mmCIF file of all heavy atoms, coordinates in Angstrom:
data_MODEL
# 
_entry.id   MODEL 
# 
loop_
_atom_site.group_PDB 
_atom_site.id 
_atom_site.type_symbol 
_atom_site.label_atom_id 
_atom_site.label_alt_id 
_atom_site.label_comp_id 
_atom_site.label_asym_id 
_atom_site.label_entity_id 
_atom_site.label_seq_id 
_atom_site.pdbx_PDB_ins_code 
_atom_site.Cartn_x 
_atom_site.Cartn_y 
_atom_site.Cartn_z 
_atom_site.occupancy 
_atom_site.B_iso_or_equiv 
_atom_site.pdbx_formal_charge 
_atom_site.auth_seq_id 
_atom_site.auth_comp_id 
_atom_site.auth_asym_id 
_atom_site.auth_atom_id 
_atom_site.pdbx_PDB_model_num 
ATOM 1   N N   . GLU A 1 1  ? 194.058 92.397  106.873 1.00 0.00 ? 1  GLU A N   1 
ATOM 2   C CA  . GLU A 1 1  ? 193.992 90.988  107.130 1.00 0.00 ? 1  GLU A CA  1 
ATOM 3   C C   . GLU A 1 1  ? 194.980 90.182  106.376 1.00 0.00 ? 1  GLU A C   1 
ATOM 4   O O   . GLU A 1 1  ? 195.649 89.148  106.851 1.00 0.00 ? 1  GLU A O   1 
ATOM 5   C CB  . GLU A 1 1  ? 192.566 90.405  106.732 1.00 0.00 ? 1  GLU A CB  1 
ATOM 6   C CG  . GLU A 1 1  ? 191.446 90.977  107.642 1.00 0.00 ? 1  GLU A CG  1 
ATOM 7   C CD  . GLU A 1 1  ? 190.073 90.480  107.219 1.00 0.00 ? 1  GLU A CD  1 
ATOM 8   O OE1 . GLU A 1 1  ? 189.878 90.269  106.032 1.00 0.00 ? 1  GLU A OE1 1 
ATOM 9   O OE2 . GLU A 1 1  ? 189.249 90.406  108.089 1.00 0.00 ? 1  GLU A OE2 1 
ATOM 10  N N   . ASP A 1 2  ? 195.309 90.510  105.119 1.00 0.00 ? 2  ASP A N   1 
ATOM 11  C CA  . ASP A 1 2  ? 196.184 89.746  104.277 1.00 0.00 ? 2  ASP A CA  1 
ATOM 12  C C   . ASP A 1 2  ? 197.644 90.086  104.499 1.00 0.00 ? 2  ASP A C   1 
ATOM 13  O O   . ASP A 1 2  ? 198.092 91.156  104.540 1.00 0.00 ? 2  ASP A O   1 
ATOM 14  C CB  . ASP A 1 2  ? 195.815 90.120  102.826 1.00 0.00 ? 2  ASP A CB  1 
ATOM 15  C CG  . ASP A 1 2  ? 196.677 89.184  101.855 1.00 0.00 ? 2  ASP A CG  1 
ATOM 16  O OD1 . ASP A 1 2  ? 196.371 88.036  101.693 1.00 0.00 ? 2  ASP A OD1 1 
ATOM 17  O OD2 . ASP A 1 2  ? 197.653 89.727  101.263 1.00 0.00 ? 2  ASP A OD2 1 
ATOM 18  N N   . ALA A 1 3  ? 198.429 88.981  104.824 1.00 0.00 ? 3  ALA A N   1 
ATOM 19  C CA  . ALA A 1 3  ? 199.862 89.129  105.218 1.00 0.00 ? 3  ALA A CA  1 
ATOM 20  C C   . ALA A 1 3  ? 200.655 89.782  104.120 1.00 0.00 ? 3  ALA A C   1 
ATOM 21  O O   . ALA A 1 3  ? 201.542 90.602  104.356 1.00 0.00 ? 3  ALA A O   1 
ATOM 22  C CB  . ALA A 1 3  ? 200.377 87.807  105.637 1.00 0.00 ? 3  ALA A CB  1 
ATOM 23  N N   . SER A 1 4  ? 200.481 89.384  102.893 1.00 0.00 ? 4  SER A N   1 
ATOM 24  C CA  . SER A 1 4  ? 201.203 89.974  101.707 1.00 0.00 ? 4  SER A CA  1 
ATOM 25  C C   . SER A 1 4  ? 200.866 91.413  101.479 1.00 0.00 ? 4  SER A C   1 
ATOM 26  O O   . SER A 1 4  ? 201.762 92.249  101.240 1.00 0.00 ? 4  SER A O   1 
ATOM 27  C CB  . SER A 1 4  ? 200.858 89.185  100.432 1.00 0.00 ? 4  SER A CB  1 
ATOM 28  O OG  . SER A 1 4  ? 199.546 89.333  100.129 1.00 0.00 ? 4  SER A OG  1 
ATOM 29  N N   . GLN A 1 5  ? 199.633 91.760  101.807 1.00 0.00 ? 5  GLN A N   1 
ATOM 30  C CA  . GLN A 1 5  ? 199.206 93.226  101.731 1.00 0.00 ? 5  GLN A CA  1 
ATOM 31  C C   . GLN A 1 5  ? 199.950 94.008  102.873 1.00 0.00 ? 5  GLN A C   1 
ATOM 32  O O   . GLN A 1 5  ? 200.415 95.156  102.579 1.00 0.00 ? 5  GLN A O   1 
ATOM 33  C CB  . GLN A 1 5  ? 197.708 93.347  101.853 1.00 0.00 ? 5  GLN A CB  1 
ATOM 34  C CG  . GLN A 1 5  ? 197.165 94.753  101.571 1.00 0.00 ? 5  GLN A CG  1 
ATOM 35  C CD  . GLN A 1 5  ? 195.645 94.829  101.751 1.00 0.00 ? 5  GLN A CD  1 
ATOM 36  O OE1 . GLN A 1 5  ? 195.021 93.804  101.920 1.00 0.00 ? 5  GLN A OE1 1 
ATOM 37  N NE2 . GLN A 1 5  ? 195.162 96.076  101.608 1.00 0.00 ? 5  GLN A NE2 1 
ATOM 38  N N   . ARG A 1 6  ? 200.022 93.412  104.029 1.00 0.00 ? 6  ARG A N   1 
ATOM 39  C CA  . ARG A 1 6  ? 200.711 94.091  105.151 1.00 0.00 ? 6  ARG A CA  1 
ATOM 40  C C   . ARG A 1 6  ? 202.221 94.287  104.752 1.00 0.00 ? 6  ARG A C   1 
ATOM 41  O O   . ARG A 1 6  ? 202.711 95.401  104.998 1.00 0.00 ? 6  ARG A O   1 
ATOM 42  C CB  . ARG A 1 6  ? 200.618 93.247  106.391 1.00 0.00 ? 6  ARG A CB  1 
ATOM 43  C CG  . ARG A 1 6  ? 199.244 93.240  107.024 1.00 0.00 ? 6  ARG A CG  1 
ATOM 44  C CD  . ARG A 1 6  ? 199.301 92.847  108.515 1.00 0.00 ? 6  ARG A CD  1 
ATOM 45  N NE  . ARG A 1 6  ? 199.775 91.527  108.678 1.00 0.00 ? 6  ARG A NE  1 
ATOM 46  C CZ  . ARG A 1 6  ? 199.043 90.390  108.690 1.00 0.00 ? 6  ARG A CZ  1 
ATOM 47  N NH1 . ARG A 1 6  ? 197.739 90.515  108.371 1.00 0.00 ? 6  ARG A NH1 1 
ATOM 48  N NH2 . ARG A 1 6  ? 199.574 89.237  108.874 1.00 0.00 ? 6  ARG A NH2 1 
ATOM 49  N N   . ASN A 1 7  ? 202.821 93.301  104.138 1.00 0.00 ? 7  ASN A N   1 
ATOM 50  C CA  . ASN A 1 7  ? 204.238 93.519  103.720 1.00 0.00 ? 7  ASN A CA  1 
ATOM 51  C C   . ASN A 1 7  ? 204.409 94.619  102.724 1.00 0.00 ? 7  ASN A C   1 
ATOM 52  O O   . ASN A 1 7  ? 205.431 95.327  102.735 1.00 0.00 ? 7  ASN A O   1 
ATOM 53  C CB  . ASN A 1 7  ? 204.731 92.159  103.229 1.00 0.00 ? 7  ASN A CB  1 
ATOM 54  C CG  . ASN A 1 7  ? 204.935 91.153  104.324 1.00 0.00 ? 7  ASN A CG  1 
ATOM 55  O OD1 . ASN A 1 7  ? 205.250 91.442  105.400 1.00 0.00 ? 7  ASN A OD1 1 
ATOM 56  N ND2 . ASN A 1 7  ? 204.830 89.870  103.958 1.00 0.00 ? 7  ASN A ND2 1 
ATOM 57  N N   . SER A 1 8  ? 203.454 94.739  101.786 1.00 0.00 ? 8  SER A N   1 
ATOM 58  C CA  . SER A 1 8  ? 203.566 95.743  100.778 1.00 0.00 ? 8  SER A CA  1 
ATOM 59  C C   . SER A 1 8  ? 203.386 97.188  101.348 1.00 0.00 ? 8  SER A C   1 
ATOM 60  O O   . SER A 1 8  ? 203.798 98.146  100.703 1.00 0.00 ? 8  SER A O   1 
ATOM 61  C CB  . SER A 1 8  ? 202.523 95.497  99.667  1.00 0.00 ? 8  SER A CB  1 
ATOM 62  O OG  . SER A 1 8  ? 201.199 95.749  100.163 1.00 0.00 ? 8  SER A OG  1 
ATOM 63  N N   . LEU A 1 9  ? 202.846 97.243  102.519 1.00 0.00 ? 9  LEU A N   1 
ATOM 64  C CA  . LEU A 1 9  ? 202.627 98.545  103.157 1.00 0.00 ? 9  LEU A CA  1 
ATOM 65  C C   . LEU A 1 9  ? 203.809 99.042  104.030 1.00 0.00 ? 9  LEU A C   1 
ATOM 66  O O   . LEU A 1 9  ? 203.896 100.145 104.442 1.00 0.00 ? 9  LEU A O   1 
ATOM 67  C CB  . LEU A 1 9  ? 201.357 98.501  103.998 1.00 0.00 ? 9  LEU A CB  1 
ATOM 68  C CG  . LEU A 1 9  ? 200.006 98.472  103.299 1.00 0.00 ? 9  LEU A CG  1 
ATOM 69  C CD1 . LEU A 1 9  ? 198.935 98.124  104.254 1.00 0.00 ? 9  LEU A CD1 1 
ATOM 70  C CD2 . LEU A 1 9  ? 199.735 99.678  102.592 1.00 0.00 ? 9  LEU A CD2 1 
ATOM 71  N N   . ARG A 1 10 ? 204.727 98.108  104.272 1.00 0.00 ? 10 ARG A N   1 
ATOM 72  C CA  . ARG A 1 10 ? 205.893 98.448  105.119 1.00 0.00 ? 10 ARG A CA  1 
ATOM 73  C C   . ARG A 1 10 ? 206.853 99.376  104.313 1.00 0.00 ? 10 ARG A C   1 
ATOM 74  O O   . ARG A 1 10 ? 207.212 99.228  103.203 1.00 0.00 ? 10 ARG A O   1 
ATOM 75  C CB  . ARG A 1 10 ? 206.658 97.206  105.592 1.00 0.00 ? 10 ARG A CB  1 
ATOM 76  C CG  . ARG A 1 10 ? 205.802 96.264  106.376 1.00 0.00 ? 10 ARG A CG  1 
ATOM 77  C CD  . ARG A 1 10 ? 206.554 95.020  106.810 1.00 0.00 ? 10 ARG A CD  1 
ATOM 78  N NE  . ARG A 1 10 ? 205.683 94.004  107.407 1.00 0.00 ? 10 ARG A NE  1 
ATOM 79  C CZ  . ARG A 1 10 ? 205.156 94.036  108.588 1.00 0.00 ? 10 ARG A CZ  1 
ATOM 80  N NH1 . ARG A 1 10 ? 205.450 94.997  109.444 1.00 0.00 ? 10 ARG A NH1 1 
ATOM 81  N NH2 . ARG A 1 10 ? 204.340 93.032  108.992 1.00 0.00 ? 10 ARG A NH2 1 
ATOM 82  N N   . LEU A 1 11 ? 207.299 100.472 105.044 1.00 0.00 ? 11 LEU A N   1 
ATOM 83  C CA  . LEU A 1 11 ? 208.209 101.328 104.436 1.00 0.00 ? 11 LEU A CA  1 
ATOM 84  C C   . LEU A 1 11 ? 209.627 100.760 104.345 1.00 0.00 ? 11 LEU A C   1 
ATOM 85  O O   . LEU A 1 11 ? 210.135 100.135 105.241 1.00 0.00 ? 11 LEU A O   1 
ATOM 86  C CB  . LEU A 1 11 ? 208.266 102.675 105.205 1.00 0.00 ? 11 LEU A CB  1 
ATOM 87  C CG  . LEU A 1 11 ? 206.982 103.451 105.185 1.00 0.00 ? 11 LEU A CG  1 
ATOM 88  C CD1 . LEU A 1 11 ? 206.916 104.386 106.406 1.00 0.00 ? 11 LEU A CD1 1 
ATOM 89  C CD2 . LEU A 1 11 ? 206.803 104.251 103.922 1.00 0.00 ? 11 LEU A CD2 1 
ATOM 90  N N   . THR A 1 12 ? 210.255 100.931 103.174 1.00 0.00 ? 12 THR A N   1 
ATOM 91  C CA  . THR A 1 12 ? 211.676 100.427 102.987 1.00 0.00 ? 12 THR A CA  1 
ATOM 92  C C   . THR A 1 12 ? 212.646 101.399 103.704 1.00 0.00 ? 12 THR A C   1 
ATOM 93  O O   . THR A 1 12 ? 212.302 102.535 104.054 1.00 0.00 ? 12 THR A O   1 
ATOM 94  C CB  . THR A 1 12 ? 211.976 100.379 101.481 1.00 0.00 ? 12 THR A CB  1 
ATOM 95  O OG1 . THR A 1 12 ? 211.965 101.658 100.996 1.00 0.00 ? 12 THR A OG1 1 
ATOM 96  C CG2 . THR A 1 12 ? 210.945 99.536  100.795 1.00 0.00 ? 12 THR A CG2 1 
ATOM 97  N N   . GLY A 1 13 ? 213.907 100.901 103.781 1.00 0.00 ? 13 GLY A N   1 
ATOM 98  C CA  . GLY A 1 13 ? 214.958 101.671 104.363 1.00 0.00 ? 13 GLY A CA  1 
ATOM 99  C C   . GLY A 1 13 ? 215.140 103.006 103.600 1.00 0.00 ? 13 GLY A C   1 
ATOM 100 O O   . GLY A 1 13 ? 215.323 104.082 104.261 1.00 0.00 ? 13 GLY A O   1 
ATOM 101 N N   . ASP A 1 14 ? 215.118 103.008 102.285 1.00 0.00 ? 14 ASP A N   1 
ATOM 102 C CA  . ASP A 1 14 ? 215.314 104.181 101.541 1.00 0.00 ? 14 ASP A CA  1 
ATOM 103 C C   . ASP A 1 14 ? 214.165 105.150 101.755 1.00 0.00 ? 14 ASP A C   1 
ATOM 104 O O   . ASP A 1 14 ? 214.347 106.367 101.766 1.00 0.00 ? 14 ASP A O   1 
ATOM 105 C CB  . ASP A 1 14 ? 215.427 103.878 100.037 1.00 0.00 ? 14 ASP A CB  1 
ATOM 106 C CG  . ASP A 1 14 ? 216.799 103.182 99.719  1.00 0.00 ? 14 ASP A CG  1 
ATOM 107 O OD1 . ASP A 1 14 ? 217.734 103.351 100.537 1.00 0.00 ? 14 ASP A OD1 1 
ATOM 108 O OD2 . ASP A 1 14 ? 216.912 102.527 98.613  1.00 0.00 ? 14 ASP A OD2 1 
ATOM 109 N N   . GLN A 1 15 ? 212.943 104.605 101.855 1.00 0.00 ? 15 GLN A N   1 
ATOM 110 C CA  . GLN A 1 15 ? 211.760 105.453 102.092 1.00 0.00 ? 15 GLN A CA  1 
ATOM 111 C C   . GLN A 1 15 ? 211.825 106.095 103.461 1.00 0.00 ? 15 GLN A C   1 
ATOM 112 O O   . GLN A 1 15 ? 211.438 107.328 103.598 1.00 0.00 ? 15 GLN A O   1 
ATOM 113 C CB  . GLN A 1 15 ? 210.496 104.670 101.913 1.00 0.00 ? 15 GLN A CB  1 
ATOM 114 C CG  . GLN A 1 15 ? 210.156 104.298 100.452 1.00 0.00 ? 15 GLN A CG  1 
ATOM 115 C CD  . GLN A 1 15 ? 209.068 103.229 100.331 1.00 0.00 ? 15 GLN A CD  1 
ATOM 116 O OE1 . GLN A 1 15 ? 208.808 102.444 101.266 1.00 0.00 ? 15 GLN A OE1 1 
ATOM 117 N NE2 . GLN A 1 15 ? 208.420 103.228 99.150  1.00 0.00 ? 15 GLN A NE2 1 
ATOM 118 N N   . LEU A 1 16 ? 212.321 105.344 104.423 1.00 0.00 ? 16 LEU A N   1 
ATOM 119 C CA  . LEU A 1 16 ? 212.370 105.921 105.767 1.00 0.00 ? 16 LEU A CA  1 
ATOM 120 C C   . LEU A 1 16 ? 213.476 107.001 105.808 1.00 0.00 ? 16 LEU A C   1 
ATOM 121 O O   . LEU A 1 16 ? 213.215 108.081 106.478 1.00 0.00 ? 16 LEU A O   1 
ATOM 122 C CB  . LEU A 1 16 ? 212.768 104.840 106.761 1.00 0.00 ? 16 LEU A CB  1 
ATOM 123 C CG  . LEU A 1 16 ? 211.659 103.852 107.142 1.00 0.00 ? 16 LEU A CG  1 
ATOM 124 C CD1 . LEU A 1 16 ? 212.223 102.615 107.892 1.00 0.00 ? 16 LEU A CD1 1 
ATOM 125 C CD2 . LEU A 1 16 ? 210.564 104.517 107.913 1.00 0.00 ? 16 LEU A CD2 1 
ATOM 126 N N   . LYS A 1 17 ? 214.535 106.873 105.040 1.00 0.00 ? 17 LYS A N   1 
ATOM 127 C CA  . LYS A 1 17 ? 215.595 107.887 105.018 1.00 0.00 ? 17 LYS A CA  1 
ATOM 128 C C   . LYS A 1 17 ? 214.993 109.239 104.324 1.00 0.00 ? 17 LYS A C   1 
ATOM 129 O O   . LYS A 1 17 ? 215.223 110.267 104.809 1.00 0.00 ? 17 LYS A O   1 
ATOM 130 C CB  . LYS A 1 17 ? 216.763 107.443 104.166 1.00 0.00 ? 17 LYS A CB  1 
ATOM 131 C CG  . LYS A 1 17 ? 217.625 106.404 104.849 1.00 0.00 ? 17 LYS A CG  1 
ATOM 132 C CD  . LYS A 1 17 ? 218.755 105.920 103.995 1.00 0.00 ? 17 LYS A CD  1 
ATOM 133 C CE  . LYS A 1 17 ? 219.560 104.782 104.665 1.00 0.00 ? 17 LYS A CE  1 
ATOM 134 N NZ  . LYS A 1 17 ? 220.597 104.283 103.826 1.00 0.00 ? 17 LYS A NZ  1 
ATOM 135 N N   . LYS A 1 18 ? 214.233 109.005 103.239 1.00 0.00 ? 18 LYS A N   1 
ATOM 136 C CA  . LYS A 1 18 ? 213.600 110.107 102.551 1.00 0.00 ? 18 LYS A CA  1 
ATOM 137 C C   . LYS A 1 18 ? 212.648 110.807 103.531 1.00 0.00 ? 18 LYS A C   1 
ATOM 138 O O   . LYS A 1 18 ? 212.535 112.064 103.540 1.00 0.00 ? 18 LYS A O   1 
ATOM 139 C CB  . LYS A 1 18 ? 212.864 109.655 101.349 1.00 0.00 ? 18 LYS A CB  1 
ATOM 140 C CG  . LYS A 1 18 ? 212.247 110.763 100.468 1.00 0.00 ? 18 LYS A CG  1 
ATOM 141 C CD  . LYS A 1 18 ? 211.600 110.212 99.274  1.00 0.00 ? 18 LYS A CD  1 
ATOM 142 C CE  . LYS A 1 18 ? 212.614 109.705 98.262  1.00 0.00 ? 18 LYS A CE  1 
ATOM 143 N NZ  . LYS A 1 18 ? 211.999 109.280 96.955  1.00 0.00 ? 18 LYS A NZ  1 
ATOM 144 N N   . LEU A 1 19 ? 211.831 110.035 104.262 1.00 0.00 ? 19 LEU A N   1 
ATOM 145 C CA  . LEU A 1 19 ? 210.794 110.538 105.164 1.00 0.00 ? 19 LEU A CA  1 
ATOM 146 C C   . LEU A 1 19 ? 211.456 111.419 106.280 1.00 0.00 ? 19 LEU A C   1 
ATOM 147 O O   . LEU A 1 19 ? 210.985 112.466 106.594 1.00 0.00 ? 19 LEU A O   1 
ATOM 148 C CB  . LEU A 1 19 ? 210.048 109.504 105.839 1.00 0.00 ? 19 LEU A CB  1 
ATOM 149 C CG  . LEU A 1 19 ? 208.715 108.973 105.182 1.00 0.00 ? 19 LEU A CG  1 
ATOM 150 C CD1 . LEU A 1 19 ? 208.084 107.885 105.997 1.00 0.00 ? 19 LEU A CD1 1 
ATOM 151 C CD2 . LEU A 1 19 ? 207.779 110.130 105.005 1.00 0.00 ? 19 LEU A CD2 1 
ATOM 152 N N   . LYS A 1 20 ? 212.583 110.905 106.787 1.00 0.00 ? 20 LYS A N   1 
ATOM 153 C CA  . LYS A 1 20 ? 213.257 111.654 107.916 1.00 0.00 ? 20 LYS A CA  1 
ATOM 154 C C   . LYS A 1 20 ? 213.713 112.971 107.383 1.00 0.00 ? 20 LYS A C   1 
ATOM 155 O O   . LYS A 1 20 ? 213.562 114.026 108.112 1.00 0.00 ? 20 LYS A O   1 
ATOM 156 C CB  . LYS A 1 20 ? 214.446 110.824 108.406 1.00 0.00 ? 20 LYS A CB  1 
ATOM 157 C CG  . LYS A 1 20 ? 215.061 111.483 109.635 1.00 0.00 ? 20 LYS A CG  1 
ATOM 158 C CD  . LYS A 1 20 ? 216.090 110.524 110.317 1.00 0.00 ? 20 LYS A CD  1 
ATOM 159 C CE  . LYS A 1 20 ? 216.546 111.051 111.661 1.00 0.00 ? 20 LYS A CE  1 
ATOM 160 N NZ  . LYS A 1 20 ? 216.851 112.511 111.622 1.00 0.00 ? 20 LYS A NZ  1 
ATOM 161 N N   . ILE A 1 21 ? 214.294 113.049 106.185 1.00 0.00 ? 21 ILE A N   1 
ATOM 162 C CA  . ILE A 1 21 ? 214.723 114.327 105.617 1.00 0.00 ? 21 ILE A CA  1 
ATOM 163 C C   . ILE A 1 21 ? 213.521 115.282 105.492 1.00 0.00 ? 21 ILE A C   1 
ATOM 164 O O   . ILE A 1 21 ? 213.574 116.497 105.812 1.00 0.00 ? 21 ILE A O   1 
ATOM 165 C CB  . ILE A 1 21 ? 215.393 114.074 104.323 1.00 0.00 ? 21 ILE A CB  1 
ATOM 166 C CG1 . ILE A 1 21 ? 216.698 113.331 104.428 1.00 0.00 ? 21 ILE A CG1 1 
ATOM 167 C CG2 . ILE A 1 21 ? 215.682 115.457 103.615 1.00 0.00 ? 21 ILE A CG2 1 
ATOM 168 C CD1 . ILE A 1 21 ? 217.426 112.918 103.206 1.00 0.00 ? 21 ILE A CD1 1 
ATOM 169 N N   . LEU A 1 22 ? 212.363 114.706 104.984 1.00 0.00 ? 22 LEU A N   1 
ATOM 170 C CA  . LEU A 1 22 ? 211.173 115.547 104.776 1.00 0.00 ? 22 LEU A CA  1 
ATOM 171 C C   . LEU A 1 22 ? 210.687 116.088 106.096 1.00 0.00 ? 22 LEU A C   1 
ATOM 172 O O   . LEU A 1 22 ? 210.377 117.279 106.233 1.00 0.00 ? 22 LEU A O   1 
ATOM 173 C CB  . LEU A 1 22 ? 210.063 114.679 104.159 1.00 0.00 ? 22 LEU A CB  1 
ATOM 174 C CG  . LEU A 1 22 ? 210.164 114.358 102.669 1.00 0.00 ? 22 LEU A CG  1 
ATOM 175 C CD1 . LEU A 1 22 ? 209.073 113.445 102.238 1.00 0.00 ? 22 LEU A CD1 1 
ATOM 176 C CD2 . LEU A 1 22 ? 210.180 115.643 101.806 1.00 0.00 ? 22 LEU A CD2 1 
ATOM 177 N N   . PHE A 1 23 ? 210.611 115.283 107.147 1.00 0.00 ? 23 PHE A N   1 
ATOM 178 C CA  . PHE A 1 23 ? 210.050 115.676 108.402 1.00 0.00 ? 23 PHE A CA  1 
ATOM 179 C C   . PHE A 1 23 ? 210.982 116.572 109.222 1.00 0.00 ? 23 PHE A C   1 
ATOM 180 O O   . PHE A 1 23 ? 210.623 117.423 109.942 1.00 0.00 ? 23 PHE A O   1 
ATOM 181 C CB  . PHE A 1 23 ? 209.611 114.457 109.220 1.00 0.00 ? 23 PHE A CB  1 
ATOM 182 C CG  . PHE A 1 23 ? 208.251 113.934 108.896 1.00 0.00 ? 23 PHE A CG  1 
ATOM 183 C CD1 . PHE A 1 23 ? 208.178 112.758 108.071 1.00 0.00 ? 23 PHE A CD1 1 
ATOM 184 C CD2 . PHE A 1 23 ? 207.155 114.578 109.253 1.00 0.00 ? 23 PHE A CD2 1 
ATOM 185 C CE1 . PHE A 1 23 ? 206.962 112.265 107.726 1.00 0.00 ? 23 PHE A CE1 1 
ATOM 186 C CE2 . PHE A 1 23 ? 205.909 114.136 108.861 1.00 0.00 ? 23 PHE A CE2 1 
ATOM 187 C CZ  . PHE A 1 23 ? 205.797 112.960 108.072 1.00 0.00 ? 23 PHE A CZ  1 
ATOM 188 N N   . ASP A 1 24 ? 212.274 116.398 109.022 1.00 0.00 ? 24 ASP A N   1 
ATOM 189 C CA  . ASP A 1 24 ? 213.285 117.229 109.662 1.00 0.00 ? 24 ASP A CA  1 
ATOM 190 C C   . ASP A 1 24 ? 213.320 118.586 109.039 1.00 0.00 ? 24 ASP A C   1 
ATOM 191 O O   . ASP A 1 24 ? 213.690 119.599 109.709 1.00 0.00 ? 24 ASP A O   1 
ATOM 192 C CB  . ASP A 1 24 ? 214.673 116.578 109.598 1.00 0.00 ? 24 ASP A CB  1 
ATOM 193 C CG  . ASP A 1 24 ? 214.808 115.414 110.594 1.00 0.00 ? 24 ASP A CG  1 
ATOM 194 O OD1 . ASP A 1 24 ? 213.985 115.285 111.497 1.00 0.00 ? 24 ASP A OD1 1 
ATOM 195 O OD2 . ASP A 1 24 ? 215.900 114.725 110.461 1.00 0.00 ? 24 ASP A OD2 1 
ATOM 196 N N   . HIS A 1 25 ? 212.988 118.780 107.783 1.00 0.00 ? 25 HIS A N   1 
ATOM 197 C CA  . HIS A 1 25 ? 213.180 120.033 107.132 1.00 0.00 ? 25 HIS A CA  1 
ATOM 198 C C   . HIS A 1 25 ? 211.894 120.623 106.575 1.00 0.00 ? 25 HIS A C   1 
ATOM 199 O O   . HIS A 1 25 ? 211.320 121.580 107.076 1.00 0.00 ? 25 HIS A O   1 
ATOM 200 C CB  . HIS A 1 25 ? 214.257 119.927 106.004 1.00 0.00 ? 25 HIS A CB  1 
ATOM 201 C CG  . HIS A 1 25 ? 215.531 119.472 106.519 1.00 0.00 ? 25 HIS A CG  1 
ATOM 202 N ND1 . HIS A 1 25 ? 216.298 120.266 107.242 1.00 0.00 ? 25 HIS A ND1 1 
ATOM 203 C CD2 . HIS A 1 25 ? 216.207 118.224 106.445 1.00 0.00 ? 25 HIS A CD2 1 
ATOM 204 C CE1 . HIS A 1 25 ? 217.466 119.596 107.604 1.00 0.00 ? 25 HIS A CE1 1 
ATOM 205 N NE2 . HIS A 1 25 ? 217.365 118.369 107.143 1.00 0.00 ? 25 HIS A NE2 1 
ATOM 206 N N   . GLN A 1 26 ? 211.333 120.074 105.536 1.00 0.00 ? 26 GLN A N   1 
ATOM 207 C CA  . GLN A 1 26 ? 210.183 120.653 104.736 1.00 0.00 ? 26 GLN A CA  1 
ATOM 208 C C   . GLN A 1 26 ? 208.886 120.558 105.501 1.00 0.00 ? 26 GLN A C   1 
ATOM 209 O O   . GLN A 1 26 ? 208.080 121.455 105.488 1.00 0.00 ? 26 GLN A O   1 
ATOM 210 C CB  . GLN A 1 26 ? 210.100 119.958 103.379 1.00 0.00 ? 26 GLN A CB  1 
ATOM 211 C CG  . GLN A 1 26 ? 211.152 120.336 102.484 1.00 0.00 ? 26 GLN A CG  1 
ATOM 212 C CD  . GLN A 1 26 ? 211.094 119.473 101.195 1.00 0.00 ? 26 GLN A CD  1 
ATOM 213 O OE1 . GLN A 1 26 ? 211.616 118.428 101.130 1.00 0.00 ? 26 GLN A OE1 1 
ATOM 214 N NE2 . GLN A 1 26 ? 210.496 120.077 100.156 1.00 0.00 ? 26 GLN A NE2 1 
# 
């Protein structure tokens, strides 16, 4: 419900890059 809480849950660009490497390999 809380907009600030929703923003804190969004993945940053660096986190998305790290995730892609994780899912592509490990």
